[in-house]
Amino acid sequence: MTNWMAEMSWSALEERVAAGAVVLLPVGANESHGPHLPLGTDRICACGFSEEIANRIDAVIAPEIPWGFRSQIKTGGGSHWAGNIGLDAEVLVGLVRSTIRELAIKGMTRIAIVNGHYENVWFITEGCELAVRDLDAQPGGDLVIQTASWWDMVGDDDLSAIFPAPPASIEYEHGALLETSIMMAMRPELVATDKFPQHAFKVFPPWDVFPQDPARANETGSLATSNGANAEAGAELIRLIADRMADGIRTELKAGAAHGA
């Protein structure tokens, strides 16, 4: 059995939605995560968490939006690395807006967006706002969209319980301890454990400068070292994050038990 919309026939999808399935929309990015993680880490995580959520609630997973807003030096290492594909803001907004609108027109009006890329957040928000306007949706009506980013599910107490030496701040966590641990549990064959960055978090000034200057960025495309990352911690993070995201979708979208449960 698949929960991926693209792997279903239209009639099978129609049956799932009629029976109560909500729709998950993963949104990722293609950007540097250091020499040890794949460029598609954000997409892989968004899709992986969507699969985990669909094992917990009745949900089908829409084809992911694999591209994200361009990486920024202070939050994602910068946009200059080989393989980084950053969308203009209006393109990402349009993709989110059009996808929601198309789903809703076809009766899929309970939608949860699973975001894996920090720089996407406000453009996903704008896409949702414009789709709501397009569809003249009102609170309490059929259309309900929930958005969530996986890192917002994790608190300092969680990190202290999972890691003997937790990161000083979640702000350091691009291609570092958390993402590396999650990828070691989710897609271990894609993690180069012999290439963990060894540098500390680079302290940036409290402003940005454009054009982006690669000389102002760190040297690896990761914001901090991955030392201490491990698959066991990653598995615990995946469980905790998926549980909390699923709980939120149950609350906001009234999702039922997983299909076939």
Protein backbone atom coordinates (compact mmCIF):
# COMPACT_ATOMS: atom_id res chain seq x y z
CA MET A 1 0.00 0.00 0.00
CA THR A 2 1.24 3.48 -0.86
CA ASN A 3 0.34 6.82 0.65
CA TRP A 4 1.97 8.76 -2.18
CA MET A 5 -0.58 10.45 -4.42
CA ALA A 6 1.62 10.13 -7.51
CA GLU A 7 1.70 6.34 -7.09
CA MET A 8 -2.11 6.01 -6.98
CA SER A 9 -4.68 5.97 -9.74
CA TRP A 10 -7.14 8.85 -9.71
CA SER A 11 -9.88 6.51 -8.57
CA ALA A 12 -7.81 5.12 -5.69
CA LEU A 13 -7.00 8.67 -4.58
CA GLU A 14 -10.65 9.67 -4.81
CA GLU A 15 -11.59 6.73 -2.58
CA ARG A 16 -8.97 7.62 0.03
CA VAL A 17 -10.08 11.25 0.18
CA ALA A 18 -13.77 10.30 0.32
CA ALA A 19 -12.95 8.01 3.24
CA GLY A 20 -11.41 10.90 5.17
CA ALA A 21 -7.72 11.17 4.23
CA VAL A 22 -6.05 14.55 4.63
CA VAL A 23 -3.33 15.74 2.23
CA LEU A 24 0.30 16.28 3.21
CA LEU A 25 2.39 18.59 1.03
CA PRO A 26 6.16 18.32 1.61
CA VAL A 27 8.23 21.39 0.70
CA GLY A 28 12.01 21.19 0.61
CA ALA A 29 15.02 22.73 -1.11
CA ASN A 30 18.17 21.83 -3.00
CA GLU A 31 21.06 23.46 -1.14
CA SER A 32 24.43 22.78 0.42
CA HIS A 33 24.49 20.97 3.77
CA GLY A 34 28.23 20.56 4.06
CA PRO A 35 30.53 17.94 2.51
CA HIS A 36 28.83 15.11 4.41
CA LEU A 37 25.12 15.51 3.54
CA PRO A 38 23.30 15.52 0.19
CA LEU A 39 22.03 18.68 -1.45
CA GLY A 40 18.49 17.31 -1.18
CA THR A 41 18.55 16.97 2.61
CA ASP A 42 15.63 19.38 3.13
CA ARG A 43 13.50 17.61 0.53
CA ILE A 44 14.42 14.18 1.89
CA CYS A 45 13.52 15.23 5.43
CA ALA A 46 10.21 16.81 4.39
CA CYS A 47 9.25 13.68 2.47
CA GLY A 48 10.51 11.35 5.19
CA PHE A 49 8.55 13.14 7.89
CA SER A 50 5.48 13.08 5.64
CA GLU A 51 5.80 9.31 5.34
CA GLU A 52 6.15 8.98 9.11
CA ILE A 53 3.09 11.17 9.66
CA ALA A 54 1.07 9.11 7.16
CA ASN A 55 1.90 6.04 9.26
CA ARG A 56 0.22 7.75 12.21
CA ILE A 57 -2.87 9.37 10.65
CA ASP A 58 -5.06 8.88 7.57
CA ALA A 59 -3.16 10.92 4.99
CA VAL A 60 -2.08 10.90 1.37
CA ILE A 61 1.13 12.66 0.35
CA ALA A 62 1.08 15.08 -2.57
CA PRO A 63 4.11 15.29 -4.87
CA GLU A 64 6.70 17.38 -3.06
CA ILE A 65 7.83 20.85 -4.01
CA PRO A 66 11.57 20.07 -4.20
CA TRP A 67 12.87 23.62 -4.58
CA GLY A 68 13.01 26.34 -1.95
CA PHE A 69 13.84 30.01 -1.52
CA ARG A 70 17.54 30.71 -1.97
CA SER A 71 19.90 29.89 0.87
CA GLN A 72 21.09 32.79 3.03
CA ILE A 73 24.60 33.00 4.49
CA LYS A 74 23.56 33.27 8.16
CA THR A 75 20.88 30.57 8.07
CA GLY A 76 21.78 28.15 5.29
CA GLY A 77 25.39 28.69 4.33
CA GLY A 78 24.74 30.92 1.32
CA SER A 79 23.55 30.44 -2.24
CA HIS A 80 26.95 30.14 -3.95
CA TRP A 81 27.60 26.41 -3.51
CA ALA A 82 27.53 24.00 -6.46
CA GLY A 83 24.06 22.51 -6.85
CA ASN A 84 22.16 25.17 -4.93
CA ILE A 85 18.92 25.93 -6.80
CA GLY A 86 17.10 28.83 -5.16
CA LEU A 87 13.70 30.01 -6.34
CA ASP A 88 12.64 33.63 -6.54
CA ALA A 89 10.10 34.38 -3.83
CA GLU A 90 7.19 34.83 -6.21
CA VAL A 91 7.87 31.46 -7.84
CA LEU A 92 7.74 29.58 -4.53
CA VAL A 93 4.67 31.54 -3.45
CA GLY A 94 3.02 30.68 -6.76
CA LEU A 95 3.82 26.98 -6.47
CA VAL A 96 2.31 26.77 -2.99
CA ARG A 97 -0.70 28.89 -3.98
CA SER A 98 -1.44 26.93 -7.15
CA THR A 99 -0.97 23.54 -5.51
CA ILE A 100 -3.37 24.36 -2.67
CA ARG A 101 -5.91 25.79 -5.10
CA GLU A 102 -5.77 22.74 -7.38
CA LEU A 103 -6.13 20.34 -4.46
CA ALA A 104 -9.05 22.29 -3.00
CA ILE A 105 -10.91 22.59 -6.31
CA LYS A 106 -10.82 18.79 -6.51
CA GLY A 107 -12.22 18.32 -3.03
CA MET A 108 -9.00 17.98 -1.04
CA THR A 109 -9.56 20.80 1.42
CA ARG A 110 -7.72 19.58 4.52
CA ILE A 111 -4.05 20.20 3.77
CA ALA A 112 -0.96 20.06 5.98
CA ILE A 113 2.29 21.52 4.66
CA VAL A 114 5.43 19.80 5.95
CA ASN A 115 8.36 22.20 5.53
CA GLY A 116 12.01 21.17 5.57
CA HIS A 117 13.79 24.45 4.69
CA TYR A 118 14.06 27.48 6.97
CA GLU A 119 14.08 30.12 4.24
CA ASN A 120 10.75 28.86 2.90
CA VAL A 121 8.66 29.82 5.90
CA TRP A 122 7.20 33.20 4.98
CA PHE A 123 6.75 32.34 1.31
CA ILE A 124 4.74 29.25 2.24
CA THR A 125 2.68 31.55 4.47
CA GLU A 126 2.06 33.95 1.59
CA GLY A 127 1.11 31.09 -0.74
CA CYS A 128 -1.45 29.92 1.81
CA GLU A 129 -2.84 33.43 2.31
CA LEU A 130 -3.27 33.97 -1.43
CA ALA A 131 -4.89 30.55 -1.93
CA VAL A 132 -7.34 31.35 0.86
CA ARG A 133 -8.15 34.63 -0.90
CA ASP A 134 -8.53 32.92 -4.29
CA LEU A 135 -10.97 30.40 -2.85
CA ASP A 136 -12.79 32.93 -0.65
CA ALA A 137 -12.24 30.58 2.28
CA GLN A 138 -13.48 31.56 5.72
CA PRO A 139 -12.71 30.31 9.24
CA GLY A 140 -14.90 27.32 10.01
CA GLY A 141 -15.31 26.48 6.33
CA ASP A 142 -14.19 23.44 4.35
CA LEU A 143 -10.66 24.66 3.58
CA VAL A 144 -8.19 24.27 6.42
CA ILE A 145 -4.43 24.55 5.83
CA GLN A 146 -1.92 23.79 8.54
CA THR A 147 1.77 24.62 8.11
CA ALA A 148 4.63 23.30 10.22
CA SER A 149 8.42 23.13 10.06
CA TRP A 150 9.98 20.07 11.67
CA TRP A 151 12.49 21.96 13.85
CA ASP A 152 9.69 23.85 15.59
CA MET A 153 8.63 20.54 17.14
CA VAL A 154 11.90 20.27 19.09
CA GLY A 155 12.65 22.13 22.33
CA ASP A 156 15.80 22.64 24.38
CA ASP A 157 14.65 20.02 26.90
CA ASP A 158 14.32 17.47 24.10
CA LEU A 159 17.83 18.18 22.84
CA SER A 160 19.28 17.87 26.33
CA ALA A 161 17.54 14.51 26.76
CA ILE A 162 18.72 13.14 23.40
CA PHE A 163 22.29 14.46 23.12
CA PRO A 164 24.99 14.33 25.84
CA ALA A 165 26.36 17.58 24.39
CA PRO A 166 23.35 19.34 22.82
CA PRO A 167 23.76 22.32 20.49
CA ALA A 168 23.83 25.71 22.17
CA SER A 169 21.02 26.89 19.89
CA ILE A 170 18.73 25.47 17.23
CA GLU A 171 19.95 28.42 15.11
CA TYR A 172 23.24 26.54 14.60
CA GLU A 173 21.51 23.55 13.13
CA HIS A 174 22.00 23.74 9.40
CA GLY A 175 23.82 20.59 8.30
CA ALA A 176 24.97 20.09 11.88
CA LEU A 177 24.06 17.81 14.79
CA LEU A 178 20.29 17.47 14.29
CA GLU A 179 20.06 17.23 10.51
CA THR A 180 23.01 14.87 10.36
CA SER A 181 21.52 12.57 13.01
CA ILE A 182 18.14 12.59 11.27
CA MET A 183 19.74 11.74 7.93
CA MET A 184 21.82 8.97 9.55
CA ALA A 185 18.55 7.38 10.65
CA MET A 186 16.47 8.24 7.59
CA ARG A 187 18.97 7.74 4.72
CA PRO A 188 22.27 6.47 6.17
CA GLU A 189 23.67 5.54 2.76
CA LEU A 190 23.73 9.24 1.84
CA VAL A 191 25.76 10.42 4.84
CA ALA A 192 29.57 10.67 4.53
CA THR A 193 30.52 10.15 8.18
CA ASP A 194 34.22 10.65 7.38
CA LYS A 195 33.54 14.21 6.18
CA PHE A 196 31.85 15.76 9.21
CA PRO A 197 32.62 19.50 9.44
CA GLN A 198 34.94 20.27 12.34
CA HIS A 199 34.45 24.03 12.61
CA ALA A 200 32.44 25.82 15.28
CA PHE A 201 29.47 28.07 14.54
CA LYS A 202 30.58 31.27 12.86
CA VAL A 203 29.34 34.41 14.60
CA PHE A 204 27.73 36.77 12.09
CA PRO A 205 26.95 40.47 12.51
CA PRO A 206 23.30 41.35 13.16
CA TRP A 207 22.71 42.49 9.56
CA ASP A 208 22.87 41.16 6.01
CA VAL A 209 24.82 42.44 2.99
CA PHE A 210 23.94 42.00 -0.70
CA PRO A 211 25.18 40.84 -3.14
CA GLN A 212 26.01 37.77 -1.08
CA ASP A 213 29.78 37.47 -0.68
CA PRO A 214 31.02 33.86 -0.31
CA ALA A 215 33.96 35.21 1.70
CA ARG A 216 31.53 36.10 4.48
CA ALA A 217 30.17 32.53 4.70
CA ASN A 218 31.57 29.56 6.57
CA GLU A 219 33.91 27.21 4.75
CA THR A 220 31.74 24.10 4.38
CA GLY A 221 28.09 25.00 3.68
CA SER A 222 27.19 23.67 7.13
CA LEU A 223 26.77 26.11 10.01
CA ALA A 224 28.56 24.00 12.65
CA THR A 225 30.22 20.67 13.34
CA SER A 226 28.31 17.39 13.14
CA ASN A 227 30.45 15.71 15.80
CA GLY A 228 28.22 13.69 18.10
CA ALA A 229 25.63 12.93 15.43
CA ASN A 230 24.34 9.36 15.48
CA ALA A 231 21.52 7.28 14.05
CA GLU A 232 20.00 6.45 17.44
CA ALA A 233 19.53 10.12 18.25
CA GLY A 234 18.17 10.65 14.75
CA ALA A 235 15.60 7.90 15.20
CA GLU A 236 14.44 9.45 18.47
CA LEU A 237 14.17 12.87 16.82
CA ILE A 238 12.17 11.40 13.94
CA ARG A 239 9.76 9.68 16.34
CA LEU A 240 9.31 12.77 18.49
CA ILE A 241 8.88 15.16 15.56
CA ALA A 242 6.49 12.91 13.63
CA ASP A 243 4.40 12.27 16.75
CA ARG A 244 4.03 15.99 17.42
CA MET A 245 3.33 16.92 13.82
CA ALA A 246 0.69 14.17 13.61
CA ASP A 247 -0.88 15.38 16.86
CA GLY A 248 -1.15 18.88 15.42
CA ILE A 249 -2.80 17.60 12.25
CA ARG A 250 -5.27 15.55 14.28
CA THR A 251 -6.16 18.69 16.20
CA GLU A 252 -6.43 21.13 13.29
CA LEU A 253 -7.58 18.90 10.43
CA LYS A 254 -9.50 16.27 12.41
CA ALA A 255 -7.43 13.50 10.87
CA GLY A 256 -8.38 9.93 11.66
CA ALA A 257 -6.31 6.80 12.26
CA ALA A 258 -3.75 5.68 9.68
CA HIS A 259 -5.18 3.97 6.60
CA GLY A 260 -5.46 0.25 7.21
CA ALA A 261 -4.83 0.57 10.95
